[in-house]
Amino acid sequence: MQPKLTGTGSAVPKKDEVVVYIDTLYDIYSAFDPRKIDVRMLSADFIKEVRLQAMQAVRGTQMEINILAPKFIRKHELTRKSEKITRRRILGFFQDEYQDLRTERKKQMARALTFLVSGLTCFFLVKLAGNVSDGHLFLKMLLELITFFSWFATWSGIDAFSDLPKRREMRLRRRLAGANIQFKFVRDITTINPM
């Protein structure tokens, strides 16, 4: 699928696609990592740009990530093999990121529920015990301690719920994890970004 061209000839991405231009394959990978591309770290700038564009995309449609590159690097640098590896690495990065976020969300949800349930249970126990006379000093102190814990646990649970990763962020990561990644080769950069 070719990017739509405006009257001036510049590429305008559709609302459900991310379009990134690279001068060289190594724009996708970290400049500080000298290893081969099958283990090399992805560039933070590349990932950031993909995320920024993806946030503006329409919800509900499959995400497309189109990487535009100059045609002359096709033979030497961006061969079919390196293209396949790079596509796998990008998709793998976003899939791992989504799985990590999902796991973290589940852990935080379990923690929040544990705090909330234990706090409310302690409140219930204190109310069930009712007023204790001054003669039972140990029991009275124990109930005070349980009351303190119940407040702490309840508010910690509520606080943990507010710290959960937002649904919008989860949706974005899920869409990037299932994105369709394509490389497109262009002869002239002015067809993409005329000056």
C-alpha atoms as a PDB file:
ATOM      1  CA  MET A   1       0.000   0.000   0.000  1.00  0.00           C
ATOM      2  CA  GLN A   2       1.516   3.310  -1.092  1.00  0.00           C
ATOM      3  CA  PRO A   3       1.229   6.438   1.079  1.00  0.00           C
ATOM      4  CA  LYS A   4      -1.361   8.883  -0.221  1.00  0.00           C
ATOM      5  CA  LEU A   5       0.178  11.899  -1.942  1.00  0.00           C
ATOM      6  CA  THR A   6      -1.104  15.432  -1.470  1.00  0.00           C
ATOM      7  CA  GLY A   7      -1.157  17.997  -4.276  1.00  0.00           C
ATOM      8  CA  THR A   8       2.408  18.969  -3.320  1.00  0.00           C
ATOM      9  CA  GLY A   9       3.552  15.344  -3.573  1.00  0.00           C
ATOM     10  CA  SER A  10       4.214  14.739   0.131  1.00  0.00           C
ATOM     11  CA  ALA A  11       3.163  11.452   1.682  1.00  0.00           C
ATOM     12  CA  VAL A  12       0.202  11.664   4.041  1.00  0.00           C
ATOM     13  CA  PRO A  13      -0.220   8.587   6.199  1.00  0.00           C
ATOM     14  CA  LYS A  14      -3.667   7.093   6.639  1.00  0.00           C
ATOM     15  CA  LYS A  15      -5.114   7.411  10.121  1.00  0.00           C
ATOM     16  CA  ASP A  16      -4.421   3.766  10.984  1.00  0.00           C
ATOM     17  CA  GLU A  17      -0.800   3.675   9.903  1.00  0.00           C
ATOM     18  CA  VAL A  18       2.580   4.758  11.117  1.00  0.00           C
ATOM     19  CA  VAL A  19       5.030   5.958   8.466  1.00  0.00           C
ATOM     20  CA  VAL A  20       8.705   6.248   9.378  1.00  0.00           C
ATOM     21  CA  TYR A  21      11.486   7.182   6.958  1.00  0.00           C
ATOM     22  CA  ILE A  22      14.977   5.773   7.456  1.00  0.00           C
ATOM     23  CA  ASP A  23      18.158   6.660   5.571  1.00  0.00           C
ATOM     24  CA  THR A  24      19.845   3.429   6.544  1.00  0.00           C
ATOM     25  CA  LEU A  25      18.886   0.165   8.240  1.00  0.00           C
ATOM     26  CA  TYR A  26      20.897   1.253  11.266  1.00  0.00           C
ATOM     27  CA  ASP A  27      18.435   4.092  11.980  1.00  0.00           C
ATOM     28  CA  ILE A  28      16.244   1.348  13.456  1.00  0.00           C
ATOM     29  CA  TYR A  29      18.983   0.017  15.748  1.00  0.00           C
ATOM     30  CA  SER A  30      20.906   1.583  18.618  1.00  0.00           C
ATOM     31  CA  ALA A  31      24.080   3.375  17.558  1.00  0.00           C
ATOM     32  CA  PHE A  32      25.737   2.335  20.828  1.00  0.00           C
ATOM     33  CA  ASP A  33      25.261  -1.410  20.316  1.00  0.00           C
ATOM     34  CA  PRO A  34      27.872  -2.958  17.962  1.00  0.00           C
ATOM     35  CA  ARG A  35      26.322  -6.457  17.836  1.00  0.00           C
ATOM     36  CA  LYS A  36      24.622  -8.063  14.827  1.00  0.00           C
ATOM     37  CA  ILE A  37      21.041  -7.036  14.069  1.00  0.00           C
ATOM     38  CA  ASP A  38      19.527 -10.289  15.312  1.00  0.00           C
ATOM     39  CA  VAL A  39      20.531  -9.345  18.899  1.00  0.00           C
ATOM     40  CA  ARG A  40      21.205  -5.602  18.630  1.00  0.00           C
ATOM     41  CA  MET A  41      19.008  -3.235  20.645  1.00  0.00           C
ATOM     42  CA  LEU A  42      16.391  -1.188  18.799  1.00  0.00           C
ATOM     43  CA  SER A  43      16.867   2.572  18.693  1.00  0.00           C
ATOM     44  CA  ALA A  44      14.974   4.485  21.401  1.00  0.00           C
ATOM     45  CA  ASP A  45      14.292   7.267  18.857  1.00  0.00           C
ATOM     46  CA  PHE A  46      12.761   4.810  16.396  1.00  0.00           C
ATOM     47  CA  ILE A  47      10.523   3.237  19.068  1.00  0.00           C
ATOM     48  CA  LYS A  48       9.487   6.667  20.368  1.00  0.00           C
ATOM     49  CA  GLU A  49       8.512   7.878  16.891  1.00  0.00           C
ATOM     50  CA  VAL A  50       6.459   4.738  16.209  1.00  0.00           C
ATOM     51  CA  ARG A  51       4.644   5.142  19.542  1.00  0.00           C
ATOM     52  CA  LEU A  52       3.928   8.857  18.983  1.00  0.00           C
ATOM     53  CA  GLN A  53       2.390   8.212  15.578  1.00  0.00           C
ATOM     54  CA  ALA A  54       0.503   5.153  16.851  1.00  0.00           C
ATOM     55  CA  MET A  55      -1.135   7.249  19.595  1.00  0.00           C
ATOM     56  CA  GLN A  56      -2.728   9.417  16.897  1.00  0.00           C
ATOM     57  CA  ALA A  57      -4.055   6.445  14.929  1.00  0.00           C
ATOM     58  CA  VAL A  58      -7.720   5.472  14.808  1.00  0.00           C
ATOM     59  CA  ARG A  59      -8.818   2.831  17.302  1.00  0.00           C
ATOM     60  CA  GLY A  60     -10.270  -0.494  16.215  1.00  0.00           C
ATOM     61  CA  THR A  61      -8.363  -0.972  12.954  1.00  0.00           C
ATOM     62  CA  GLN A  62      -5.222  -3.023  12.553  1.00  0.00           C
ATOM     63  CA  MET A  63      -2.103  -0.946  12.939  1.00  0.00           C
ATOM     64  CA  GLU A  64       0.269  -0.753  10.000  1.00  0.00           C
ATOM     65  CA  ILE A  65       3.868   0.307  10.410  1.00  0.00           C
ATOM     66  CA  ASN A  66       5.348   1.336   7.063  1.00  0.00           C
ATOM     67  CA  ILE A  67       9.085   1.887   7.039  1.00  0.00           C
ATOM     68  CA  LEU A  68      10.175   3.900   4.006  1.00  0.00           C
ATOM     69  CA  ALA A  69      13.764   3.570   2.878  1.00  0.00           C
ATOM     70  CA  PRO A  70      15.828   4.729  -0.117  1.00  0.00           C
ATOM     71  CA  LYS A  71      15.864   2.175  -2.923  1.00  0.00           C
ATOM     72  CA  PHE A  72      19.670   2.098  -3.226  1.00  0.00           C
ATOM     73  CA  ILE A  73      20.099   0.378   0.181  1.00  0.00           C
ATOM     74  CA  ARG A  74      17.977  -2.573  -0.960  1.00  0.00           C
ATOM     75  CA  LYS A  75      20.843  -4.591  -2.428  1.00  0.00           C
ATOM     76  CA  HIS A  76      23.636  -3.868   0.030  1.00  0.00           C
ATOM     77  CA  GLU A  77      22.169  -3.132   3.413  1.00  0.00           C
ATOM     78  CA  LEU A  78      18.480  -3.968   3.624  1.00  0.00           C
ATOM     79  CA  THR A  79      18.405  -7.389   2.010  1.00  0.00           C
ATOM     80  CA  ARG A  80      15.380  -9.658   2.273  1.00  0.00           C
ATOM     81  CA  LYS A  81      17.093 -11.532   5.113  1.00  0.00           C
ATOM     82  CA  SER A  82      17.869  -8.383   7.145  1.00  0.00           C
ATOM     83  CA  GLU A  83      14.360  -7.087   6.410  1.00  0.00           C
ATOM     84  CA  LYS A  84      12.841 -10.296   7.791  1.00  0.00           C
ATOM     85  CA  ILE A  85      15.048 -10.155  10.909  1.00  0.00           C
ATOM     86  CA  THR A  86      14.240  -6.478  11.475  1.00  0.00           C
ATOM     87  CA  ARG A  87      10.503  -7.030  11.063  1.00  0.00           C
ATOM     88  CA  ARG A  88      10.660  -9.907  13.555  1.00  0.00           C
ATOM     89  CA  ARG A  89      12.718  -7.840  16.027  1.00  0.00           C
ATOM     90  CA  ILE A  90      10.350  -4.837  15.924  1.00  0.00           C
ATOM     91  CA  LEU A  91       7.252  -6.994  16.317  1.00  0.00           C
ATOM     92  CA  GLY A  92       8.937  -9.036  19.056  1.00  0.00           C
ATOM     93  CA  PHE A  93       9.839  -5.868  20.944  1.00  0.00           C
ATOM     94  CA  PHE A  94       6.247  -4.610  20.930  1.00  0.00           C
ATOM     95  CA  GLN A  95       4.851  -8.065  21.792  1.00  0.00           C
ATOM     96  CA  ASP A  96       7.238  -8.411  24.758  1.00  0.00           C
ATOM     97  CA  GLU A  97       6.373  -4.909  25.912  1.00  0.00           C
ATOM     98  CA  TYR A  98       2.647  -5.680  25.765  1.00  0.00           C
ATOM     99  CA  GLN A  99       3.063  -8.985  27.644  1.00  0.00           C
ATOM    100  CA  ASP A 100       5.166  -7.271  30.338  1.00  0.00           C
ATOM    101  CA  LEU A 101       2.535  -4.549  30.756  1.00  0.00           C
ATOM    102  CA  ARG A 102      -0.257  -7.142  30.945  1.00  0.00           C
ATOM    103  CA  THR A 103       1.629  -9.149  33.569  1.00  0.00           C
ATOM    104  CA  GLU A 104       2.360  -6.003  35.580  1.00  0.00           C
ATOM    105  CA  ARG A 105      -1.297  -4.952  35.404  1.00  0.00           C
ATOM    106  CA  LYS A 106      -2.443  -8.385  36.660  1.00  0.00           C
ATOM    107  CA  LYS A 107       0.047  -8.268  39.550  1.00  0.00           C
ATOM    108  CA  GLN A 108      -1.042  -4.754  40.528  1.00  0.00           C
ATOM    109  CA  MET A 109      -4.708  -5.743  40.285  1.00  0.00           C
ATOM    110  CA  ALA A 110      -4.138  -8.761  42.573  1.00  0.00           C
ATOM    111  CA  ARG A 111      -2.185  -6.592  45.030  1.00  0.00           C
ATOM    112  CA  ALA A 112      -4.901  -3.921  45.045  1.00  0.00           C
ATOM    113  CA  LEU A 113      -7.659  -6.489  45.626  1.00  0.00           C
ATOM    114  CA  THR A 114      -5.671  -8.178  48.421  1.00  0.00           C
ATOM    115  CA  PHE A 115      -5.188  -4.882  50.245  1.00  0.00           C
ATOM    116  CA  LEU A 116      -8.783  -3.805  49.756  1.00  0.00           C
ATOM    117  CA  VAL A 117     -10.328  -7.117  50.852  1.00  0.00           C
ATOM    118  CA  SER A 118      -8.057  -7.445  53.897  1.00  0.00           C
ATOM    119  CA  GLY A 119      -8.748  -3.828  54.914  1.00  0.00           C
ATOM    120  CA  LEU A 120     -12.511  -4.229  54.643  1.00  0.00           C
ATOM    121  CA  THR A 121     -12.357  -7.586  56.461  1.00  0.00           C
ATOM    122  CA  CYS A 122     -10.492  -5.933  59.344  1.00  0.00           C
ATOM    123  CA  PHE A 123     -13.098  -3.156  59.487  1.00  0.00           C
ATOM    124  CA  PHE A 124     -15.788  -5.810  59.684  1.00  0.00           C
ATOM    125  CA  LEU A 125     -13.949  -7.639  62.511  1.00  0.00           C
ATOM    126  CA  VAL A 126     -13.544  -4.427  64.527  1.00  0.00           C
ATOM    127  CA  LYS A 127     -17.250  -3.619  64.141  1.00  0.00           C
ATOM    128  CA  LEU A 128     -18.161  -7.200  65.041  1.00  0.00           C
ATOM    129  CA  ALA A 129     -16.125  -6.991  68.268  1.00  0.00           C
ATOM    130  CA  GLY A 130     -17.980  -3.810  69.253  1.00  0.00           C
ATOM    131  CA  ASN A 131     -16.942  -1.736  72.283  1.00  0.00           C
ATOM    132  CA  VAL A 132     -14.489  -3.370  74.637  1.00  0.00           C
ATOM    133  CA  SER A 133     -14.433  -2.352  78.290  1.00  0.00           C
ATOM    134  CA  ASP A 134     -11.348  -0.797  79.884  1.00  0.00           C
ATOM    135  CA  GLY A 135     -10.744  -4.024  81.797  1.00  0.00           C
ATOM    136  CA  HIS A 136      -9.587  -5.768  78.605  1.00  0.00           C
ATOM    137  CA  LEU A 137      -6.605  -3.544  77.843  1.00  0.00           C
ATOM    138  CA  PHE A 138      -4.833  -6.056  75.570  1.00  0.00           C
ATOM    139  CA  LEU A 139      -7.964  -6.692  73.488  1.00  0.00           C
ATOM    140  CA  LYS A 140      -8.632  -2.948  73.253  1.00  0.00           C
ATOM    141  CA  MET A 141      -5.076  -2.294  71.998  1.00  0.00           C
ATOM    142  CA  LEU A 142      -5.368  -5.168  69.528  1.00  0.00           C
ATOM    143  CA  LEU A 143      -8.587  -3.703  68.097  1.00  0.00           C
ATOM    144  CA  GLU A 144      -6.921  -0.282  67.782  1.00  0.00           C
ATOM    145  CA  LEU A 145      -4.054  -1.898  65.883  1.00  0.00           C
ATOM    146  CA  ILE A 146      -6.480  -3.763  63.597  1.00  0.00           C
ATOM    147  CA  THR A 147      -8.365  -0.492  62.973  1.00  0.00           C
ATOM    148  CA  PHE A 148      -5.123   1.225  61.987  1.00  0.00           C
ATOM    149  CA  PHE A 149      -4.216  -1.672  59.651  1.00  0.00           C
ATOM    150  CA  SER A 150      -7.699  -1.679  58.112  1.00  0.00           C
ATOM    151  CA  TRP A 151      -7.403   2.019  57.206  1.00  0.00           C
ATOM    152  CA  PHE A 152      -3.901   1.503  55.816  1.00  0.00           C
ATOM    153  CA  ALA A 153      -4.875  -1.589  53.766  1.00  0.00           C
ATOM    154  CA  THR A 154      -8.060  -0.027  52.387  1.00  0.00           C
ATOM    155  CA  TRP A 155      -6.340   3.158  51.229  1.00  0.00           C
ATOM    156  CA  SER A 156      -3.348   1.225  49.867  1.00  0.00           C
ATOM    157  CA  GLY A 157      -5.773  -0.897  47.826  1.00  0.00           C
ATOM    158  CA  ILE A 158      -7.547   2.160  46.450  1.00  0.00           C
ATOM    159  CA  ASP A 159      -4.187   3.778  45.686  1.00  0.00           C
ATOM    160  CA  ALA A 160      -2.959   0.627  43.892  1.00  0.00           C
ATOM    161  CA  PHE A 161      -6.095   0.678  41.693  1.00  0.00           C
ATOM    162  CA  SER A 162      -5.352   4.262  40.651  1.00  0.00           C
ATOM    163  CA  ASP A 163      -1.775   3.279  39.683  1.00  0.00           C
ATOM    164  CA  LEU A 164      -2.877   0.566  37.235  1.00  0.00           C
ATOM    165  CA  PRO A 165      -1.705   1.073  33.624  1.00  0.00           C
ATOM    166  CA  LYS A 166      -4.422   3.007  31.807  1.00  0.00           C
ATOM    167  CA  ARG A 167      -6.711   1.199  29.355  1.00  0.00           C
ATOM    168  CA  ARG A 168      -5.650   3.552  26.567  1.00  0.00           C
ATOM    169  CA  GLU A 169      -2.005   2.593  27.099  1.00  0.00           C
ATOM    170  CA  MET A 170      -2.912  -1.126  27.140  1.00  0.00           C
ATOM    171  CA  ARG A 171      -4.912  -0.730  23.920  1.00  0.00           C
ATOM    172  CA  LEU A 172      -2.016   1.078  22.210  1.00  0.00           C
ATOM    173  CA  ARG A 173       0.495  -1.609  23.237  1.00  0.00           C
ATOM    174  CA  ARG A 174      -1.859  -4.374  22.095  1.00  0.00           C
ATOM    175  CA  ARG A 175      -2.283  -2.741  18.691  1.00  0.00           C
ATOM    176  CA  LEU A 176       1.477  -2.305  18.259  1.00  0.00           C
ATOM    177  CA  ALA A 177       2.007  -5.953  19.295  1.00  0.00           C
ATOM    178  CA  GLY A 178      -0.283  -7.055  16.448  1.00  0.00           C
ATOM    179  CA  ALA A 179       0.906  -4.526  13.868  1.00  0.00           C
ATOM    180  CA  ASN A 180       1.608  -5.345  10.252  1.00  0.00           C
ATOM    181  CA  ILE A 181       5.149  -4.139   9.453  1.00  0.00           C
ATOM    182  CA  GLN A 182       6.092  -3.364   5.839  1.00  0.00           C
ATOM    183  CA  PHE A 183       9.217  -1.985   4.206  1.00  0.00           C
ATOM    184  CA  LYS A 184       8.677   0.295   1.212  1.00  0.00           C
ATOM    185  CA  PHE A 185      11.456   1.543  -1.008  1.00  0.00           C
ATOM    186  CA  VAL A 186      11.440   4.950  -2.666  1.00  0.00           C
ATOM    187  CA  ARG A 187      13.765   6.427  -5.291  1.00  0.00           C
ATOM    188  CA  ASP A 188      13.571  10.016  -4.158  1.00  0.00           C
ATOM    189  CA  ILE A 189      13.087  11.400  -0.655  1.00  0.00           C
ATOM    190  CA  THR A 190      11.285  14.461  -2.097  1.00  0.00           C
ATOM    191  CA  THR A 191       8.276  12.212  -2.842  1.00  0.00           C
ATOM    192  CA  ILE A 192       8.025  11.767   0.913  1.00  0.00           C
ATOM    193  CA  ASN A 193       9.069  15.089   2.331  1.00  0.00           C
ATOM    194  CA  PRO A 194       9.557  17.874  -0.219  1.00  0.00           C
ATOM    195  CA  MET A 195      11.545  20.928   0.925  1.00  0.00           C
END
